[in-house]
PDB file of N, CA and C in Angstrom:
ATOM      1  N   UNK A   1      -2.382  10.363  -9.325  1.00  0.00           N
ATOM      2  CA  UNK A   1      -3.092  11.014  -8.242  1.00  0.00           C
ATOM      3  C   UNK A   1      -2.415  10.647  -6.937  1.00  0.00           C
ATOM      4  N   UNK A   2      -2.120  11.624  -6.116  1.00  0.00           N
ATOM      5  CA  UNK A   2      -1.502  11.415  -4.813  1.00  0.00           C
ATOM      6  C   UNK A   2      -2.596  11.409  -3.758  1.00  0.00           C
ATOM      7  N   UNK A   3      -2.801  10.246  -3.087  1.00  0.00           N
ATOM      8  CA  UNK A   3      -3.869  10.134  -2.102  1.00  0.00           C
ATOM      9  C   UNK A   3      -3.561  10.870  -0.805  1.00  0.00           C
ATOM     10  N   UNK A   4      -2.316  11.285  -0.600  1.00  0.00           N
ATOM     11  CA  UNK A   4      -1.954  12.017   0.604  1.00  0.00           C
ATOM     12  C   UNK A   4      -2.258  13.507   0.481  1.00  0.00           C
ATOM     13  N   UNK A   5      -2.508  13.983  -0.712  1.00  0.00           N
ATOM     14  CA  UNK A   5      -2.804  15.389  -0.944  1.00  0.00           C
ATOM     15  C   UNK A   5      -4.311  15.598  -0.841  1.00  0.00           C
ATOM     16  N   UNK A   6      -4.748  16.577  -0.054  1.00  0.00           N
ATOM     17  CA  UNK A   6      -6.192  16.828   0.058  1.00  0.00           C
ATOM     18  C   UNK A   6      -6.800  17.158  -1.301  1.00  0.00           C
ATOM     19  N   UNK A   7      -7.991  16.674  -1.535  1.00  0.00           N
ATOM     20  CA  UNK A   7      -8.698  16.929  -2.781  1.00  0.00           C
ATOM     21  C   UNK A   7      -9.206  18.359  -2.801  1.00  0.00           C
ATOM     22  N   UNK A   8      -9.033  19.006  -3.910  1.00  0.00           N
ATOM     23  CA  UNK A   8      -9.572  20.353  -4.070  1.00  0.00           C
ATOM     24  C   UNK A   8     -10.614  20.392  -5.173  1.00  0.00           C
ATOM     25  N   UNK A   9     -10.628  19.398  -6.003  1.00  0.00           N
ATOM     26  CA  UNK A   9     -11.576  19.330  -7.100  1.00  0.00           C
ATOM     27  C   UNK A   9     -12.864  18.672  -6.599  1.00  0.00           C
ATOM     28  N   UNK A  10     -13.961  19.430  -6.493  1.00  0.00           N
ATOM     29  CA  UNK A  10     -15.212  18.858  -5.975  1.00  0.00           C
ATOM     30  C   UNK A  10     -15.722  17.673  -6.795  1.00  0.00           C
ATOM     31  N   UNK A  11     -15.507  17.702  -8.096  1.00  0.00           N
ATOM     32  CA  UNK A  11     -15.984  16.606  -8.947  1.00  0.00           C
ATOM     33  C   UNK A  11     -15.261  15.305  -8.605  1.00  0.00           C
ATOM     34  N   UNK A  12     -13.947  15.378  -8.397  1.00  0.00           N
ATOM     35  CA  UNK A  12     -13.178  14.200  -8.004  1.00  0.00           C
ATOM     36  C   UNK A  12     -13.659  13.675  -6.662  1.00  0.00           C
ATOM     37  N   UNK A  13     -13.909  14.569  -5.728  1.00  0.00           N
ATOM     38  CA  UNK A  13     -14.399  14.174  -4.408  1.00  0.00           C
ATOM     39  C   UNK A  13     -15.740  13.460  -4.516  1.00  0.00           C
ATOM     40  N   UNK A  14     -16.648  13.956  -5.356  1.00  0.00           N
ATOM     41  CA  UNK A  14     -17.951  13.317  -5.554  1.00  0.00           C
ATOM     42  C   UNK A  14     -17.798  11.927  -6.162  1.00  0.00           C
ATOM     43  N   UNK A  15     -16.909  11.796  -7.122  1.00  0.00           N
ATOM     44  CA  UNK A  15     -16.681  10.506  -7.770  1.00  0.00           C
ATOM     45  C   UNK A  15     -16.111   9.504  -6.762  1.00  0.00           C
ATOM     46  N   UNK A  16     -15.132   9.943  -5.987  1.00  0.00           N
ATOM     47  CA  UNK A  16     -14.536   9.062  -4.982  1.00  0.00           C
ATOM     48  C   UNK A  16     -15.565   8.659  -3.927  1.00  0.00           C
ATOM     49  N   UNK A  17     -16.397   9.594  -3.509  1.00  0.00           N
ATOM     50  CA  UNK A  17     -17.433   9.287  -2.516  1.00  0.00           C
ATOM     51  C   UNK A  17     -18.420   8.267  -3.073  1.00  0.00           C
ATOM     52  N   UNK A  18     -18.789   8.410  -4.330  1.00  0.00           N
ATOM     53  CA  UNK A  18     -19.711   7.455  -4.949  1.00  0.00           C
ATOM     54  C   UNK A  18     -19.082   6.064  -5.036  1.00  0.00           C
ATOM     55  N   UNK A  19     -17.808   6.009  -5.378  1.00  0.00           N
ATOM     56  CA  UNK A  19     -17.116   4.724  -5.439  1.00  0.00           C
ATOM     57  C   UNK A  19     -17.037   4.087  -4.050  1.00  0.00           C
ATOM     58  N   UNK A  20     -16.781   4.885  -3.031  1.00  0.00           N
ATOM     59  CA  UNK A  20     -16.730   4.383  -1.668  1.00  0.00           C
ATOM     60  C   UNK A  20     -18.090   3.844  -1.240  1.00  0.00           C
ATOM     61  N   UNK A  21     -19.161   4.581  -1.534  1.00  0.00           N
ATOM     62  CA  UNK A  21     -20.511   4.104  -1.191  1.00  0.00           C
ATOM     63  C   UNK A  21     -20.821   2.801  -1.908  1.00  0.00           C
ATOM     64  N   UNK A  22     -20.367   2.685  -3.146  1.00  0.00           N
ATOM     65  CA  UNK A  22     -20.598   1.443  -3.905  1.00  0.00           C
ATOM     66  C   UNK A  22     -19.826   0.283  -3.282  1.00  0.00           C
ATOM     67  N   UNK A  23     -18.603   0.523  -2.821  1.00  0.00           N
ATOM     68  CA  UNK A  23     -17.826  -0.499  -2.130  1.00  0.00           C
ATOM     69  C   UNK A  23     -18.564  -0.956  -0.872  1.00  0.00           C
ATOM     70  N   UNK A  24     -19.073  -0.014  -0.089  1.00  0.00           N
ATOM     71  CA  UNK A  24     -19.818  -0.377   1.110  1.00  0.00           C
ATOM     72  C   UNK A  24     -21.056  -1.192   0.770  1.00  0.00           C
ATOM     73  N   UNK A  25     -21.797  -0.773  -0.240  1.00  0.00           N
ATOM     74  CA  UNK A  25     -22.983  -1.517  -0.661  1.00  0.00           C
ATOM     75  C   UNK A  25     -22.599  -2.942  -1.034  1.00  0.00           C
ATOM     76  N   UNK A  26     -21.515  -3.085  -1.779  1.00  0.00           N
ATOM     77  CA  UNK A  26     -21.069  -4.409  -2.206  1.00  0.00           C
ATOM     78  C   UNK A  26     -20.715  -5.274  -0.998  1.00  0.00           C
ATOM     79  N   UNK A  27     -19.931  -4.729  -0.072  1.00  0.00           N
ATOM     80  CA  UNK A  27     -19.482  -5.513   1.079  1.00  0.00           C
ATOM     81  C   UNK A  27     -20.607  -5.801   2.070  1.00  0.00           C
ATOM     82  N   UNK A  28     -21.544  -4.889   2.221  1.00  0.00           N
ATOM     83  CA  UNK A  28     -22.575  -5.057   3.242  1.00  0.00           C
ATOM     84  C   UNK A  28     -23.833  -5.751   2.733  1.00  0.00           C
ATOM     85  N   UNK A  29     -24.244  -5.421   1.525  1.00  0.00           N
ATOM     86  CA  UNK A  29     -25.511  -5.947   1.038  1.00  0.00           C
ATOM     87  C   UNK A  29     -25.343  -7.104   0.062  1.00  0.00           C
ATOM     88  N   UNK A  30     -24.376  -6.995  -0.824  1.00  0.00           N
ATOM     89  CA  UNK A  30     -24.221  -8.013  -1.858  1.00  0.00           C
ATOM     90  C   UNK A  30     -23.316  -9.154  -1.429  1.00  0.00           C
ATOM     91  N   UNK A  31     -22.333  -8.890  -0.548  1.00  0.00           N
ATOM     92  CA  UNK A  31     -21.388  -9.928  -0.144  1.00  0.00           C
ATOM     93  C   UNK A  31     -21.137  -9.972   1.369  1.00  0.00           C
ATOM     94  N   UNK A  32     -22.219  -9.994   2.178  1.00  0.00           N
ATOM     95  CA  UNK A  32     -22.000 -10.109   3.618  1.00  0.00           C
ATOM     96  C   UNK A  32     -21.415 -11.470   3.996  1.00  0.00           C
ATOM     97  N   UNK A  33     -21.469 -12.420   3.052  1.00  0.00           N
ATOM     98  CA  UNK A  33     -20.917 -13.752   3.301  1.00  0.00           C
ATOM     99  C   UNK A  33     -19.392 -13.753   3.331  1.00  0.00           C
ATOM    100  N   UNK A  34     -18.777 -12.745   2.738  1.00  0.00           N
ATOM    101  CA  UNK A  34     -17.318 -12.659   2.761  1.00  0.00           C
ATOM    102  C   UNK A  34     -16.913 -12.173   4.151  1.00  0.00           C
ATOM    103  N   UNK A  35     -16.173 -13.007   4.849  1.00  0.00           N
ATOM    104  CA  UNK A  35     -15.814 -12.725   6.235  1.00  0.00           C
ATOM    105  C   UNK A  35     -14.688 -11.703   6.322  1.00  0.00           C
ATOM    106  N   UNK A  36     -14.717 -10.904   7.376  1.00  0.00           N
ATOM    107  CA  UNK A  36     -13.658  -9.922   7.603  1.00  0.00           C
ATOM    108  C   UNK A  36     -12.286 -10.580   7.647  1.00  0.00           C
ATOM    109  N   UNK A  37     -12.180 -11.734   8.283  1.00  0.00           N
ATOM    110  CA  UNK A  37     -10.869 -12.380   8.384  1.00  0.00           C
ATOM    111  C   UNK A  37     -10.362 -12.776   6.997  1.00  0.00           C
ATOM    112  N   UNK A  38     -11.263 -13.196   6.114  1.00  0.00           N
ATOM    113  CA  UNK A  38     -10.841 -13.536   4.755  1.00  0.00           C
ATOM    114  C   UNK A  38     -10.382 -12.300   3.990  1.00  0.00           C
ATOM    115  N   UNK A  39     -11.076 -11.177   4.192  1.00  0.00           N
ATOM    116  CA  UNK A  39     -10.628  -9.925   3.577  1.00  0.00           C
ATOM    117  C   UNK A  39      -9.233  -9.561   4.086  1.00  0.00           C
ATOM    118  N   UNK A  40      -9.014  -9.715   5.391  1.00  0.00           N
ATOM    119  CA  UNK A  40      -7.700  -9.405   5.971  1.00  0.00           C
ATOM    120  C   UNK A  40      -6.621 -10.309   5.387  1.00  0.00           C
ATOM    121  N   UNK A  41      -6.935 -11.583   5.240  1.00  0.00           N
ATOM    122  CA  UNK A  41      -5.959 -12.539   4.707  1.00  0.00           C
ATOM    123  C   UNK A  41      -5.599 -12.171   3.272  1.00  0.00           C
ATOM    124  N   UNK A  42      -6.592 -11.891   2.467  1.00  0.00           N
ATOM    125  CA  UNK A  42      -6.369 -11.674   1.035  1.00  0.00           C
ATOM    126  C   UNK A  42      -5.975 -10.247   0.676  1.00  0.00           C
ATOM    127  N   UNK A  43      -6.563  -9.271   1.364  1.00  0.00           N
ATOM    128  CA  UNK A  43      -6.369  -7.885   0.949  1.00  0.00           C
ATOM    129  C   UNK A  43      -5.650  -7.011   1.977  1.00  0.00           C
ATOM    130  N   UNK A  44      -5.533  -7.509   3.198  1.00  0.00           N
ATOM    131  CA  UNK A  44      -4.862  -6.729   4.225  1.00  0.00           C
ATOM    132  C   UNK A  44      -5.723  -5.646   4.841  1.00  0.00           C
ATOM    133  N   UNK A  45      -7.030  -5.658   4.564  1.00  0.00           N
ATOM    134  CA  UNK A  45      -7.968  -4.736   5.203  1.00  0.00           C
ATOM    135  C   UNK A  45      -9.329  -5.413   5.251  1.00  0.00           C
ATOM    136  N   UNK A  46     -10.192  -4.891   6.121  1.00  0.00           N
ATOM    137  CA  UNK A  46     -11.544  -5.433   6.230  1.00  0.00           C
ATOM    138  C   UNK A  46     -12.519  -4.287   6.489  1.00  0.00           C
ATOM    139  N   UNK A  47     -13.749  -4.630   6.766  1.00  0.00           N
ATOM    140  CA  UNK A  47     -14.758  -3.612   7.046  1.00  0.00           C
ATOM    141  C   UNK A  47     -14.376  -2.776   8.263  1.00  0.00           C
ATOM    142  N   UNK A  48     -13.796  -3.416   9.269  1.00  0.00           N
ATOM    143  CA  UNK A  48     -13.381  -2.669  10.461  1.00  0.00           C
ATOM    144  C   UNK A  48     -12.280  -1.678  10.126  1.00  0.00           C
ATOM    145  N   UNK A  49     -11.390  -2.040   9.225  1.00  0.00           N
ATOM    146  CA  UNK A  49     -10.361  -1.099   8.772  1.00  0.00           C
ATOM    147  C   UNK A  49     -11.018   0.103   8.102  1.00  0.00           C
ATOM    148  N   UNK A  50     -12.029  -0.155   7.262  1.00  0.00           N
ATOM    149  CA  UNK A  50     -12.742   0.954   6.626  1.00  0.00           C
ATOM    150  C   UNK A  50     -13.336   1.875   7.683  1.00  0.00           C
ATOM    151  N   UNK A  51     -13.889   1.295   8.750  1.00  0.00           N
ATOM    152  CA  UNK A  51     -14.451   2.113   9.826  1.00  0.00           C
ATOM    153  C   UNK A  51     -13.361   2.930  10.514  1.00  0.00           C
ATOM    154  N   UNK A  52     -12.198   2.323  10.727  1.00  0.00           N
ATOM    155  CA  UNK A  52     -11.084   3.066  11.327  1.00  0.00           C
ATOM    156  C   UNK A  52     -10.664   4.224  10.428  1.00  0.00           C
ATOM    157  N   UNK A  53     -10.563   3.968   9.140  1.00  0.00           N
ATOM    158  CA  UNK A  53     -10.158   5.010   8.195  1.00  0.00           C
ATOM    159  C   UNK A  53     -11.217   6.103   8.128  1.00  0.00           C
ATOM    160  N   UNK A  54     -12.479   5.722   8.200  1.00  0.00           N
ATOM    161  CA  UNK A  54     -13.593   6.675   8.202  1.00  0.00           C
ATOM    162  C   UNK A  54     -13.486   7.595   9.420  1.00  0.00           C
ATOM    163  N   UNK A  55     -13.258   6.992  10.596  1.00  0.00           N
ATOM    164  CA  UNK A  55     -13.116   7.762  11.835  1.00  0.00           C
ATOM    165  C   UNK A  55     -11.907   8.688  11.749  1.00  0.00           C
ATOM    166  N   UNK A  56     -10.793   8.194  11.238  1.00  0.00           N
ATOM    167  CA  UNK A  56      -9.591   9.024  11.100  1.00  0.00           C
ATOM    168  C   UNK A  56      -9.847  10.208  10.168  1.00  0.00           C
ATOM    169  N   UNK A  57     -10.581   9.964   9.076  1.00  0.00           N
ATOM    170  CA  UNK A  57     -10.891  11.053   8.142  1.00  0.00           C
ATOM    171  C   UNK A  57     -11.802  12.075   8.804  1.00  0.00           C
ATOM    172  N   UNK A  58     -12.765  11.610   9.595  1.00  0.00           N
ATOM    173  CA  UNK A  58     -13.647  12.530  10.313  1.00  0.00           C
ATOM    174  C   UNK A  58     -12.834  13.370  11.295  1.00  0.00           C
ATOM    175  N   UNK A  59     -11.959  12.717  12.036  1.00  0.00           N
ATOM    176  CA  UNK A  59     -11.154  13.438  13.017  1.00  0.00           C
ATOM    177  C   UNK A  59     -10.210  14.439  12.357  1.00  0.00           C
ATOM    178  N   UNK A  60      -9.728  14.106  11.152  1.00  0.00           N
ATOM    179  CA  UNK A  60      -8.871  15.042  10.423  1.00  0.00           C
ATOM    180  C   UNK A  60      -9.644  16.312  10.038  1.00  0.00           C
ATOM    181  N   UNK A  61     -10.958  16.202   9.993  1.00  0.00           N
ATOM    182  CA  UNK A  61     -11.808  17.354   9.682  1.00  0.00           C
ATOM    183  C   UNK A  61     -12.387  17.980  10.953  1.00  0.00           C
ATOM    184  N   UNK A  62     -11.894  17.531  12.121  1.00  0.00           N
ATOM    185  CA  UNK A  62     -12.341  18.106  13.379  1.00  0.00           C
ATOM    186  C   UNK A  62     -13.618  17.507  13.933  1.00  0.00           C
ATOM    187  N   UNK A  63     -14.032  16.370  13.411  1.00  0.00           N
ATOM    188  CA  UNK A  63     -15.261  15.706  13.855  1.00  0.00           C
ATOM    189  C   UNK A  63     -14.877  14.543  14.762  1.00  0.00           C
ATOM    190  N   UNK A  64     -15.322  14.583  16.005  1.00  0.00           N
ATOM    191  CA  UNK A  64     -15.039  13.509  16.945  1.00  0.00           C
ATOM    192  C   UNK A  64     -16.005  12.361  16.701  1.00  0.00           C
ATOM    193  N   UNK A  65     -15.462  11.155  16.642  1.00  0.00           N
ATOM    194  CA  UNK A  65     -16.272   9.980  16.370  1.00  0.00           C
ATOM    195  C   UNK A  65     -15.693   8.806  17.145  1.00  0.00           C
ATOM    196  N   UNK A  66     -16.559   8.028  17.781  1.00  0.00           N
ATOM    197  CA  UNK A  66     -16.085   6.843  18.484  1.00  0.00           C
ATOM    198  C   UNK A  66     -15.905   5.687  17.502  1.00  0.00           C
ATOM    199  N   UNK A  67     -15.198   4.686  17.940  1.00  0.00           N
ATOM    200  CA  UNK A  67     -15.015   3.470  17.140  1.00  0.00           C
ATOM    201  C   UNK A  67     -16.378   2.860  16.800  1.00  0.00           C
ATOM    202  N   UNK A  68     -17.269   2.821  17.775  1.00  0.00           N
ATOM    203  CA  UNK A  68     -18.601   2.238  17.555  1.00  0.00           C
ATOM    204  C   UNK A  68     -19.413   3.061  16.552  1.00  0.00           C
ATOM    205  N   UNK A  69     -19.317   4.385  16.653  1.00  0.00           N
ATOM    206  CA  UNK A  69     -20.035   5.243  15.698  1.00  0.00           C
ATOM    207  C   UNK A  69     -19.513   5.041  14.285  1.00  0.00           C
ATOM    208  N   UNK A  70     -18.210   4.930  14.149  1.00  0.00           N
ATOM    209  CA  UNK A  70     -17.625   4.718  12.826  1.00  0.00           C
ATOM    210  C   UNK A  70     -18.047   3.373  12.256  1.00  0.00           C
ATOM    211  N   UNK A  71     -18.034   2.349  13.086  1.00  0.00           N
ATOM    212  CA  UNK A  71     -18.463   1.034  12.605  1.00  0.00           C
ATOM    213  C   UNK A  71     -19.923   1.047  12.186  1.00  0.00           C
ATOM    214  N   UNK A  72     -20.762   1.732  12.941  1.00  0.00           N
ATOM    215  CA  UNK A  72     -22.169   1.805  12.562  1.00  0.00           C
ATOM    216  C   UNK A  72     -22.338   2.550  11.237  1.00  0.00           C
ATOM    217  N   UNK A  73     -21.518   3.566  11.005  1.00  0.00           N
ATOM    218  CA  UNK A  73     -21.578   4.289   9.726  1.00  0.00           C
ATOM    219  C   UNK A  73     -21.210   3.367   8.569  1.00  0.00           C
ATOM    220  N   UNK A  74     -20.258   2.480   8.788  1.00  0.00           N
ATOM    221  CA  UNK A  74     -19.825   1.569   7.723  1.00  0.00           C
ATOM    222  C   UNK A  74     -20.793   0.404   7.563  1.00  0.00           C
ATOM    223  N   UNK A  75     -21.159  -0.233   8.672  1.00  0.00           N
ATOM    224  CA  UNK A  75     -22.010  -1.421   8.620  1.00  0.00           C
ATOM    225  C   UNK A  75     -23.485  -1.099   8.393  1.00  0.00           C
ATOM    226  N   UNK A  76     -23.891   0.143   8.640  1.00  0.00           N
ATOM    227  CA  UNK A  76     -25.287   0.515   8.466  1.00  0.00           C
ATOM    228  C   UNK A  76     -26.157   0.091   9.637  1.00  0.00           C
ATOM    229  N   UNK A  77     -25.541  -0.410  10.681  1.00  0.00           N
ATOM    230  CA  UNK A  77     -26.226  -0.836  11.898  1.00  0.00           C
ATOM    231  C   UNK A  77     -25.160  -1.077  12.960  1.00  0.00           C
ATOM    232  N   UNK A  78     -25.559  -1.248  14.213  1.00  0.00           N
ATOM    233  CA  UNK A  78     -24.530  -1.542  15.210  1.00  0.00           C
ATOM    234  C   UNK A  78     -23.715  -2.773  14.807  1.00  0.00           C
ATOM    235  N   UNK A  79     -22.402  -2.682  14.991  1.00  0.00           N
ATOM    236  CA  UNK A  79     -21.498  -3.747  14.567  1.00  0.00           C
ATOM    237  C   UNK A  79     -21.896  -5.100  15.132  1.00  0.00           C
ATOM    238  N   UNK A  80     -22.200  -5.157  16.412  1.00  0.00           N
ATOM    239  CA  UNK A  80     -22.538  -6.443  17.045  1.00  0.00           C
ATOM    240  C   UNK A  80     -23.771  -7.065  16.402  1.00  0.00           C
ATOM    241  N   UNK A  81     -24.709  -6.251  15.985  1.00  0.00           N
ATOM    242  CA  UNK A  81     -25.914  -6.740  15.311  1.00  0.00           C
ATOM    243  C   UNK A  81     -25.543  -7.339  13.950  1.00  0.00           C
ATOM    244  N   UNK A  82     -24.718  -6.622  13.170  1.00  0.00           N
ATOM    245  CA  UNK A  82     -24.298  -7.130  11.868  1.00  0.00           C
ATOM    246  C   UNK A  82     -23.471  -8.406  12.038  1.00  0.00           C
ATOM    247  N   UNK A  83     -22.566  -8.386  13.001  1.00  0.00           N
ATOM    248  CA  UNK A  83     -21.699  -9.534  13.258  1.00  0.00           C
ATOM    249  C   UNK A  83     -22.527 -10.776  13.599  1.00  0.00           C
ATOM    250  N   UNK A  84     -23.534 -10.624  14.452  1.00  0.00           N
ATOM    251  CA  UNK A  84     -24.379 -11.756  14.838  1.00  0.00           C
ATOM    252  C   UNK A  84     -25.118 -12.337  13.636  1.00  0.00           C
ATOM    253  N   UNK A  85     -25.495 -11.489  12.704  1.00  0.00           N
ATOM    254  CA  UNK A  85     -26.255 -11.943  11.544  1.00  0.00           C
ATOM    255  C   UNK A  85     -25.391 -12.516  10.428  1.00  0.00           C
ATOM    256  N   UNK A  86     -24.122 -12.057  10.317  1.00  0.00           N
ATOM    257  CA  UNK A  86     -23.348 -12.387   9.117  1.00  0.00           C
ATOM    258  C   UNK A  86     -21.966 -12.982   9.354  1.00  0.00           C
ATOM    259  N   UNK A  87     -21.465 -12.963  10.562  1.00  0.00           N
ATOM    260  CA  UNK A  87     -20.068 -13.310  10.750  1.00  0.00           C
ATOM    261  C   UNK A  87     -19.897 -14.400  11.813  1.00  0.00           C
ATOM    262  N   UNK A  88     -19.789 -15.651  11.382  1.00  0.00           N
ATOM    263  CA  UNK A  88     -19.549 -16.726  12.350  1.00  0.00           C
ATOM    264  C   UNK A  88     -18.121 -16.650  12.891  1.00  0.00           C
ATOM    265  N   UNK A  89     -17.848 -17.327  13.989  1.00  0.00           N
ATOM    266  CA  UNK A  89     -16.472 -17.337  14.510  1.00  0.00           C
ATOM    267  C   UNK A  89     -15.493 -17.866  13.463  1.00  0.00           C
ATOM    268  N   UNK A  90     -14.289 -17.348  13.508  1.00  0.00           N
ATOM    269  CA  UNK A  90     -13.247 -17.779  12.564  1.00  0.00           C
ATOM    270  C   UNK A  90     -12.927 -19.255  12.796  1.00  0.00           C
ATOM    271  N   UNK A  91     -12.676 -19.940  11.709  1.00  0.00           N
ATOM    272  CA  UNK A  91     -12.293 -21.346  11.803  1.00  0.00           C
ATOM    273  C   UNK A  91     -10.803 -21.443  12.123  1.00  0.00           C
ATOM    274  N   UNK A  92     -10.352 -22.599  12.608  1.00  0.00           N
ATOM    275  CA  UNK A  92      -8.914 -22.766  12.827  1.00  0.00           C
ATOM    276  C   UNK A  92      -8.097 -22.522  11.548  1.00  0.00           C
ATOM    277  N   UNK A  93      -8.642 -22.908  10.400  1.00  0.00           N
ATOM    278  CA  UNK A  93      -7.947 -22.691   9.134  1.00  0.00           C
ATOM    279  C   UNK A  93      -7.824 -21.196   8.818  1.00  0.00           C
ATOM    280  N   UNK A  94      -8.881 -20.447   9.067  1.00  0.00           N
ATOM    281  CA  UNK A  94      -8.837 -19.003   8.838  1.00  0.00           C
ATOM    282  C   UNK A  94      -7.825 -18.338   9.771  1.00  0.00           C
ATOM    283  N   UNK A  95      -7.833 -18.740  11.027  1.00  0.00           N
ATOM    284  CA  UNK A  95      -6.890 -18.159  11.991  1.00  0.00           C
ATOM    285  C   UNK A  95      -5.447 -18.459  11.595  1.00  0.00           C
ATOM    286  N   UNK A  96      -5.196 -19.674  11.120  1.00  0.00           N
ATOM    287  CA  UNK A  96      -3.845 -20.033  10.676  1.00  0.00           C
ATOM    288  C   UNK A  96      -3.449 -19.214   9.453  1.00  0.00           C
ATOM    289  N   UNK A  97      -4.356 -19.083   8.493  1.00  0.00           N
ATOM    290  CA  UNK A  97      -4.070 -18.291   7.289  1.00  0.00           C
ATOM    291  C   UNK A  97      -3.839 -16.832   7.652  1.00  0.00           C
ATOM    292  N   UNK A  98      -4.586 -16.321   8.630  1.00  0.00           N
ATOM    293  CA  UNK A  98      -4.404 -14.944   9.078  1.00  0.00           C
ATOM    294  C   UNK A  98      -3.019 -14.758   9.687  1.00  0.00           C
ATOM    295  N   UNK A  99      -2.613 -15.689  10.521  1.00  0.00           N
ATOM    296  CA  UNK A  99      -1.279 -15.614  11.130  1.00  0.00           C
ATOM    297  C   UNK A  99      -0.187 -15.648  10.066  1.00  0.00           C
ATOM    298  N   UNK A 100      -0.349 -16.505   9.069  1.00  0.00           N
ATOM    299  CA  UNK A 100       0.626 -16.578   7.973  1.00  0.00           C
ATOM    300  C   UNK A 100       0.655 -15.273   7.186  1.00  0.00           C
ATOM    301  N   UNK A 101      -0.508 -14.692   6.940  1.00  0.00           N
ATOM    302  CA  UNK A 101      -0.582 -13.414   6.215  1.00  0.00           C
ATOM    303  C   UNK A 101       0.111 -12.314   7.003  1.00  0.00           C
ATOM    304  N   UNK A 102      -0.050 -12.321   8.324  1.00  0.00           N
ATOM    305  CA  UNK A 102       0.615 -11.315   9.158  1.00  0.00           C
ATOM    306  C   UNK A 102       2.120 -11.451   9.083  1.00  0.00           C
ATOM    307  N   UNK A 103       2.604 -12.682   9.061  1.00  0.00           N
ATOM    308  CA  UNK A 103       4.055 -12.891   8.966  1.00  0.00           C
ATOM    309  C   UNK A 103       4.591 -12.421   7.612  1.00  0.00           C
ATOM    310  N   UNK A 104       3.838 -12.668   6.560  1.00  0.00           N
ATOM    311  CA  UNK A 104       4.287 -12.267   5.220  1.00  0.00           C
ATOM    312  C   UNK A 104       4.185 -10.764   5.003  1.00  0.00           C
ATOM    313  N   UNK A 105       3.103 -10.178   5.524  1.00  0.00           N
ATOM    314  CA  UNK A 105       2.808  -8.762   5.283  1.00  0.00           C
ATOM    315  C   UNK A 105       2.373  -8.107   6.581  1.00  0.00           C
ATOM    316  N   UNK A 106       3.278  -7.957   7.543  1.00  0.00           N
ATOM    317  CA  UNK A 106       2.878  -7.437   8.855  1.00  0.00           C
ATOM    318  C   UNK A 106       2.274  -6.047   8.801  1.00  0.00           C
ATOM    319  N   UNK A 107       2.731  -5.222   7.921  1.00  0.00           N
ATOM    320  CA  UNK A 107       2.194  -3.860   7.850  1.00  0.00           C
ATOM    321  C   UNK A 107       0.776  -3.862   7.281  1.00  0.00           C
ATOM    322  N   UNK A 108       0.517  -4.732   6.304  1.00  0.00           N
ATOM    323  CA  UNK A 108      -0.789  -4.754   5.656  1.00  0.00           C
ATOM    324  C   UNK A 108      -1.887  -5.216   6.612  1.00  0.00           C
ATOM    325  N   UNK A 109      -1.586  -6.150   7.486  1.00  0.00           N
ATOM    326  CA  UNK A 109      -2.636  -6.690   8.347  1.00  0.00           C
ATOM    327  C   UNK A 109      -2.543  -6.157   9.754  1.00  0.00           C
ATOM    328  N   UNK A 110      -1.586  -5.341  10.044  1.00  0.00           N
ATOM    329  CA  UNK A 110      -1.433  -4.844  11.409  1.00  0.00           C
ATOM    330  C   UNK A 110      -1.882  -3.417  11.556  1.00  0.00           C
ATOM    331  N   UNK A 111      -3.207  -3.181  11.549  1.00  0.00           N
ATOM    332  CA  UNK A 111      -3.745  -1.837  11.708  1.00  0.00           C
ATOM    333  C   UNK A 111      -3.159  -1.273  12.953  1.00  0.00           C
TER     334      UNK A 111
END
């Protein structure tokens, strides 16, 4: 499957949308303890990246969306509210690991 080619099969689109919703549920409700910086270190993307990709997909369909609107769509609430409840400041160790990850994989962590 080529992800750069627009989907024409409605069934595939429904399946992908369901998988995406399940990913959001997992990250927001089941694992809010997993910090964005740790996701960036390990996977090269985080919840904010998902919001950026969501906004880009909306704009590709002619829908204007702000960064804040996209984040609220992903987080299920205003980002600052979710952040205050679930995301403590990064530790020096996390910041160091993030810097090392950027050096190893600059494209993966450099949205």
